């Protein structure tokens, strides 16, 4: 619940019910594809740093 201080009568907070967000279930293939992309990007970045250090 979220209390709002600006109410009709001072000292009487009004409450808003917040919507509960339901997370989407993760798809294993999608997670693995993303992990692979992150690995590839990290390896490319590491190679760039090695090239810079060797220059």
PDB file of N, CA and C in Angstrom:
ATOM      1  N   UNK A   1       0.839  -1.196   0.000  1.00  0.00           N
ATOM      2  CA  UNK A   1       0.000   0.000   0.000  1.00  0.00           C
ATOM      3  C   UNK A   1       0.876   1.248   0.000  1.00  0.00           C
ATOM      4  N   UNK A   2       0.383   2.268  -0.629  1.00  0.00           N
ATOM      5  CA  UNK A   2       1.133   3.517  -0.746  1.00  0.00           C
ATOM      6  C   UNK A   2       0.318   4.628  -0.114  1.00  0.00           C
ATOM      7  N   UNK A   3       0.905   5.294   0.857  1.00  0.00           N
ATOM      8  CA  UNK A   3       0.186   6.376   1.539  1.00  0.00           C
ATOM      9  C   UNK A   3       0.391   7.679   0.779  1.00  0.00           C
ATOM     10  N   UNK A   4      -0.684   8.396   0.556  1.00  0.00           N
ATOM     11  CA  UNK A   4      -0.606   9.718  -0.066  1.00  0.00           C
ATOM     12  C   UNK A   4      -0.924  10.756   1.002  1.00  0.00           C
ATOM     13  N   UNK A   5      -0.020  11.731   1.167  1.00  0.00           N
ATOM     14  CA  UNK A   5      -0.209  12.702   2.251  1.00  0.00           C
ATOM     15  C   UNK A   5      -1.238  13.773   1.897  1.00  0.00           C
ATOM     16  N   UNK A   6      -1.429  14.049   0.617  1.00  0.00           N
ATOM     17  CA  UNK A   6      -2.373  15.105   0.242  1.00  0.00           C
ATOM     18  C   UNK A   6      -3.789  14.533   0.204  1.00  0.00           C
ATOM     19  N   UNK A   7      -4.501  14.674   1.295  1.00  0.00           N
ATOM     20  CA  UNK A   7      -5.862  14.146   1.360  1.00  0.00           C
ATOM     21  C   UNK A   7      -6.829  15.283   1.641  1.00  0.00           C
ATOM     22  N   UNK A   8      -8.104  14.988   1.588  1.00  0.00           N
ATOM     23  CA  UNK A   8      -9.143  16.002   1.815  1.00  0.00           C
ATOM     24  C   UNK A   8      -8.992  16.615   3.199  1.00  0.00           C
ATOM     25  N   UNK A   9      -8.865  15.765   4.202  1.00  0.00           N
ATOM     26  CA  UNK A   9      -8.672  16.264   5.572  1.00  0.00           C
ATOM     27  C   UNK A   9      -7.242  15.977   5.986  1.00  0.00           C
ATOM     28  N   UNK A  10      -6.561  16.979   6.510  1.00  0.00           N
ATOM     29  CA  UNK A  10      -5.153  16.820   6.876  1.00  0.00           C
ATOM     30  C   UNK A  10      -5.018  15.801   8.001  1.00  0.00           C
ATOM     31  N   UNK A  11      -3.954  14.994   7.918  1.00  0.00           N
ATOM     32  CA  UNK A  11      -3.726  13.987   8.947  1.00  0.00           C
ATOM     33  C   UNK A  11      -4.457  12.685   8.674  1.00  0.00           C
ATOM     34  N   UNK A  12      -5.191  12.610   7.587  1.00  0.00           N
ATOM     35  CA  UNK A  12      -5.892  11.378   7.219  1.00  0.00           C
ATOM     36  C   UNK A  12      -5.325  10.880   5.899  1.00  0.00           C
ATOM     37  N   UNK A  13      -4.301  10.015   5.951  1.00  0.00           N
ATOM     38  CA  UNK A  13      -3.695   9.559   4.693  1.00  0.00           C
ATOM     39  C   UNK A  13      -4.661   8.683   3.904  1.00  0.00           C
ATOM     40  N   UNK A  14      -4.610   8.817   2.582  1.00  0.00           N
ATOM     41  CA  UNK A  14      -5.386   7.942   1.710  1.00  0.00           C
ATOM     42  C   UNK A  14      -4.439   6.880   1.162  1.00  0.00           C
ATOM     43  N   UNK A  15      -4.960   5.705   0.900  1.00  0.00           N
ATOM     44  CA  UNK A  15      -4.114   4.605   0.443  1.00  0.00           C
ATOM     45  C   UNK A  15      -4.524   4.152  -0.954  1.00  0.00           C
ATOM     46  N   UNK A  16      -3.511   3.909  -1.774  1.00  0.00           N
ATOM     47  CA  UNK A  16      -3.734   3.353  -3.102  1.00  0.00           C
ATOM     48  C   UNK A  16      -3.242   1.913  -3.091  1.00  0.00           C
ATOM     49  N   UNK A  17      -4.020   1.010  -3.628  1.00  0.00           N
ATOM     50  CA  UNK A  17      -3.561  -0.374  -3.759  1.00  0.00           C
ATOM     51  C   UNK A  17      -2.667  -0.461  -4.990  1.00  0.00           C
ATOM     52  N   UNK A  18      -1.450  -0.935  -4.809  1.00  0.00           N
ATOM     53  CA  UNK A  18      -0.523  -1.060  -5.932  1.00  0.00           C
ATOM     54  C   UNK A  18      -0.760  -2.394  -6.630  1.00  0.00           C
ATOM     55  N   UNK A  19      -0.692  -2.368  -7.948  1.00  0.00           N
ATOM     56  CA  UNK A  19      -0.856  -3.611  -8.706  1.00  0.00           C
ATOM     57  C   UNK A  19       0.370  -4.487  -8.486  1.00  0.00           C
ATOM     58  N   UNK A  20       0.137  -5.758  -8.229  1.00  0.00           N
ATOM     59  CA  UNK A  20       1.254  -6.693  -8.092  1.00  0.00           C
ATOM     60  C   UNK A  20       1.659  -7.132  -9.498  1.00  0.00           C
ATOM     61  N   UNK A  21       2.916  -6.971  -9.811  1.00  0.00           N
ATOM     62  CA  UNK A  21       3.364  -7.356 -11.149  1.00  0.00           C
ATOM     63  C   UNK A  21       3.727  -8.836 -11.139  1.00  0.00           C
ATOM     64  N   UNK A  22       3.233  -9.550 -12.118  1.00  0.00           N
ATOM     65  CA  UNK A  22       3.525 -10.977 -12.221  1.00  0.00           C
ATOM     66  C   UNK A  22       4.609 -11.147 -13.274  1.00  0.00           C
ATOM     67  N   UNK A  23       5.799 -11.634 -12.870  1.00  0.00           N
ATOM     68  CA  UNK A  23       6.880 -11.782 -13.846  1.00  0.00           C
ATOM     69  C   UNK A  23       6.556 -12.881 -14.856  1.00  0.00           C
ATOM     70  N   UNK A  24       7.002 -12.652 -16.087  1.00  0.00           N
ATOM     71  CA  UNK A  24       6.817 -13.660 -17.130  1.00  0.00           C
ATOM     72  C   UNK A  24       7.791 -14.803 -16.866  1.00  0.00           C
ATOM     73  N   UNK A  25       7.356 -16.043 -17.016  1.00  0.00           N
ATOM     74  CA  UNK A  25       8.301 -17.153 -16.822  1.00  0.00           C
ATOM     75  C   UNK A  25       9.411 -17.092 -17.874  1.00  0.00           C
ATOM     76  N   UNK A  26      10.616 -17.411 -17.458  1.00  0.00           N
ATOM     77  CA  UNK A  26      11.749 -17.358 -18.375  1.00  0.00           C
ATOM     78  C   UNK A  26      11.762 -18.598 -19.262  1.00  0.00           C
ATOM     79  N   UNK A  27      12.102 -18.392 -20.516  1.00  0.00           N
ATOM     80  CA  UNK A  27      12.268 -19.516 -21.428  1.00  0.00           C
ATOM     81  C   UNK A  27      13.748 -19.870 -21.447  1.00  0.00           C
ATOM     82  N   UNK A  28      14.050 -21.149 -21.195  1.00  0.00           N
ATOM     83  CA  UNK A  28      15.437 -21.597 -21.076  1.00  0.00           C
ATOM     84  C   UNK A  28      16.243 -21.265 -22.330  1.00  0.00           C
ATOM     85  N   UNK A  29      15.656 -21.515 -23.511  1.00  0.00           N
ATOM     86  CA  UNK A  29      16.381 -21.253 -24.763  1.00  0.00           C
ATOM     87  C   UNK A  29      16.723 -19.779 -24.900  1.00  0.00           C
ATOM     88  N   UNK A  30      15.792 -18.918 -24.490  1.00  0.00           N
ATOM     89  CA  UNK A  30      16.024 -17.479 -24.588  1.00  0.00           C
ATOM     90  C   UNK A  30      17.151 -17.059 -23.638  1.00  0.00           C
ATOM     91  N   UNK A  31      17.151 -17.633 -22.437  1.00  0.00           N
ATOM     92  CA  UNK A  31      18.202 -17.318 -21.460  1.00  0.00           C
ATOM     93  C   UNK A  31      19.558 -17.763 -21.988  1.00  0.00           C
ATOM     94  N   UNK A  32      19.615 -18.968 -22.548  1.00  0.00           N
ATOM     95  CA  UNK A  32      20.883 -19.480 -23.053  1.00  0.00           C
ATOM     96  C   UNK A  32      21.370 -18.674 -24.261  1.00  0.00           C
ATOM     97  N   UNK A  33      20.442 -18.220 -25.115  1.00  0.00           N
ATOM     98  CA  UNK A  33      20.822 -17.403 -26.269  1.00  0.00           C
ATOM     99  C   UNK A  33      21.415 -16.083 -25.787  1.00  0.00           C
ATOM    100  N   UNK A  34      20.771 -15.485 -24.790  1.00  0.00           N
ATOM    101  CA  UNK A  34      21.264 -14.219 -24.243  1.00  0.00           C
ATOM    102  C   UNK A  34      22.641 -14.419 -23.608  1.00  0.00           C
ATOM    103  N   UNK A  35      22.802 -15.524 -22.859  1.00  0.00           N
ATOM    104  CA  UNK A  35      24.092 -15.801 -22.218  1.00  0.00           C
ATOM    105  C   UNK A  35      25.180 -15.964 -23.271  1.00  0.00           C
ATOM    106  N   UNK A  36      24.846 -16.610 -24.369  1.00  0.00           N
ATOM    107  CA  UNK A  36      25.806 -16.799 -25.455  1.00  0.00           C
ATOM    108  C   UNK A  36      26.204 -15.455 -26.063  1.00  0.00           C
ATOM    109  N   UNK A  37      25.227 -14.570 -26.257  1.00  0.00           N
ATOM    110  CA  UNK A  37      25.519 -13.238 -26.803  1.00  0.00           C
ATOM    111  C   UNK A  37      26.413 -12.450 -25.853  1.00  0.00           C
ATOM    112  N   UNK A  38      26.135 -12.560 -24.555  1.00  0.00           N
ATOM    113  CA  UNK A  38      26.953 -11.852 -23.561  1.00  0.00           C
ATOM    114  C   UNK A  38      28.377 -12.401 -23.570  1.00  0.00           C
ATOM    115  N   UNK A  39      28.514 -13.739 -23.642  1.00  0.00           N
ATOM    116  CA  UNK A  39      29.840 -14.357 -23.707  1.00  0.00           C
ATOM    117  C   UNK A  39      30.612 -13.867 -24.928  1.00  0.00           C
ATOM    118  N   UNK A  40      29.937 -13.826 -26.074  1.00  0.00           N
ATOM    119  CA  UNK A  40      30.600 -13.385 -27.307  1.00  0.00           C
ATOM    120  C   UNK A  40      31.032 -11.932 -27.208  1.00  0.00           C
ATOM    121  N   UNK A  41      30.181 -11.088 -26.652  1.00  0.00           N
ATOM    122  CA  UNK A  41      30.520  -9.670 -26.507  1.00  0.00           C
ATOM    123  C   UNK A  41      31.680  -9.493 -25.534  1.00  0.00           C
ATOM    124  N   UNK A  42      31.675 -10.269 -24.449  1.00  0.00           N
ATOM    125  CA  UNK A  42      32.756 -10.170 -23.463  1.00  0.00           C
ATOM    126  C   UNK A  42      34.078 -10.626 -24.075  1.00  0.00           C
ATOM    127  N   UNK A  43      34.044 -11.689 -24.861  1.00  0.00           N
ATOM    128  CA  UNK A  43      35.261 -12.183 -25.505  1.00  0.00           C
ATOM    129  C   UNK A  43      35.794 -11.166 -26.513  1.00  0.00           C
ATOM    130  N   UNK A  44      34.896 -10.536 -27.259  1.00  0.00           N
ATOM    131  CA  UNK A  44      35.319  -9.518 -28.228  1.00  0.00           C
ATOM    132  C   UNK A  44      35.949  -8.335 -27.496  1.00  0.00           C
ATOM    133  N   UNK A  45      35.358  -7.944 -26.384  1.00  0.00           N
ATOM    134  CA  UNK A  45      35.895  -6.825 -25.607  1.00  0.00           C
ATOM    135  C   UNK A  45      37.256  -7.190 -25.020  1.00  0.00           C
ATOM    136  N   UNK A  46      37.373  -8.428 -24.521  1.00  0.00           N
ATOM    137  CA  UNK A  46      38.650  -8.879 -23.962  1.00  0.00           C
ATOM    138  C   UNK A  46      39.727  -8.854 -25.045  1.00  0.00           C
ATOM    139  N   UNK A  47      39.360  -9.289 -26.247  1.00  0.00           N
ATOM    140  CA  UNK A  47      40.326  -9.307 -27.349  1.00  0.00           C
ATOM    141  C   UNK A  47      40.761  -7.885 -27.714  1.00  0.00           C
ATOM    142  N   UNK A  48      39.818  -6.947 -27.687  1.00  0.00           N
ATOM    143  CA  UNK A  48      40.163  -5.541 -27.948  1.00  0.00           C
ATOM    144  C   UNK A  48      41.176  -5.041 -26.928  1.00  0.00           C
ATOM    145  N   UNK A  49      40.949  -5.379 -25.652  1.00  0.00           N
ATOM    146  CA  UNK A  49      41.869  -4.931 -24.603  1.00  0.00           C
ATOM    147  C   UNK A  49      43.248  -5.555 -24.776  1.00  0.00           C
ATOM    148  N   UNK A  50      43.283  -6.829 -25.167  1.00  0.00           N
ATOM    149  CA  UNK A  50      44.563  -7.497 -25.412  1.00  0.00           C
ATOM    150  C   UNK A  50      45.289  -6.814 -26.571  1.00  0.00           C
ATOM    151  N   UNK A  51      44.541  -6.485 -27.630  1.00  0.00           N
ATOM    152  CA  UNK A  51      45.142  -5.806 -28.784  1.00  0.00           C
ATOM    153  C   UNK A  51      45.693  -4.440 -28.393  1.00  0.00           C
ATOM    154  N   UNK A  52      44.930  -3.696 -27.584  1.00  0.00           N
ATOM    155  CA  UNK A  52      45.374  -2.370 -27.142  1.00  0.00           C
ATOM    156  C   UNK A  52      46.627  -2.495 -26.278  1.00  0.00           C
ATOM    157  N   UNK A  53      46.635  -3.479 -25.374  1.00  0.00           N
ATOM    158  CA  UNK A  53      47.779  -3.666 -24.483  1.00  0.00           C
ATOM    159  C   UNK A  53      49.018  -4.081 -25.271  1.00  0.00           C
ATOM    160  N   UNK A  54      48.820  -4.823 -26.346  1.00  0.00           N
ATOM    161  CA  UNK A  54      49.943  -5.294 -27.156  1.00  0.00           C
ATOM    162  C   UNK A  54      50.454  -4.254 -28.134  1.00  0.00           C
ATOM    163  N   UNK A  55      49.699  -3.220 -28.353  1.00  0.00           N
ATOM    164  CA  UNK A  55      50.089  -2.208 -29.351  1.00  0.00           C
ATOM    165  C   UNK A  55      51.211  -1.325 -28.838  1.00  0.00           C
TER     166      UNK A  55
END
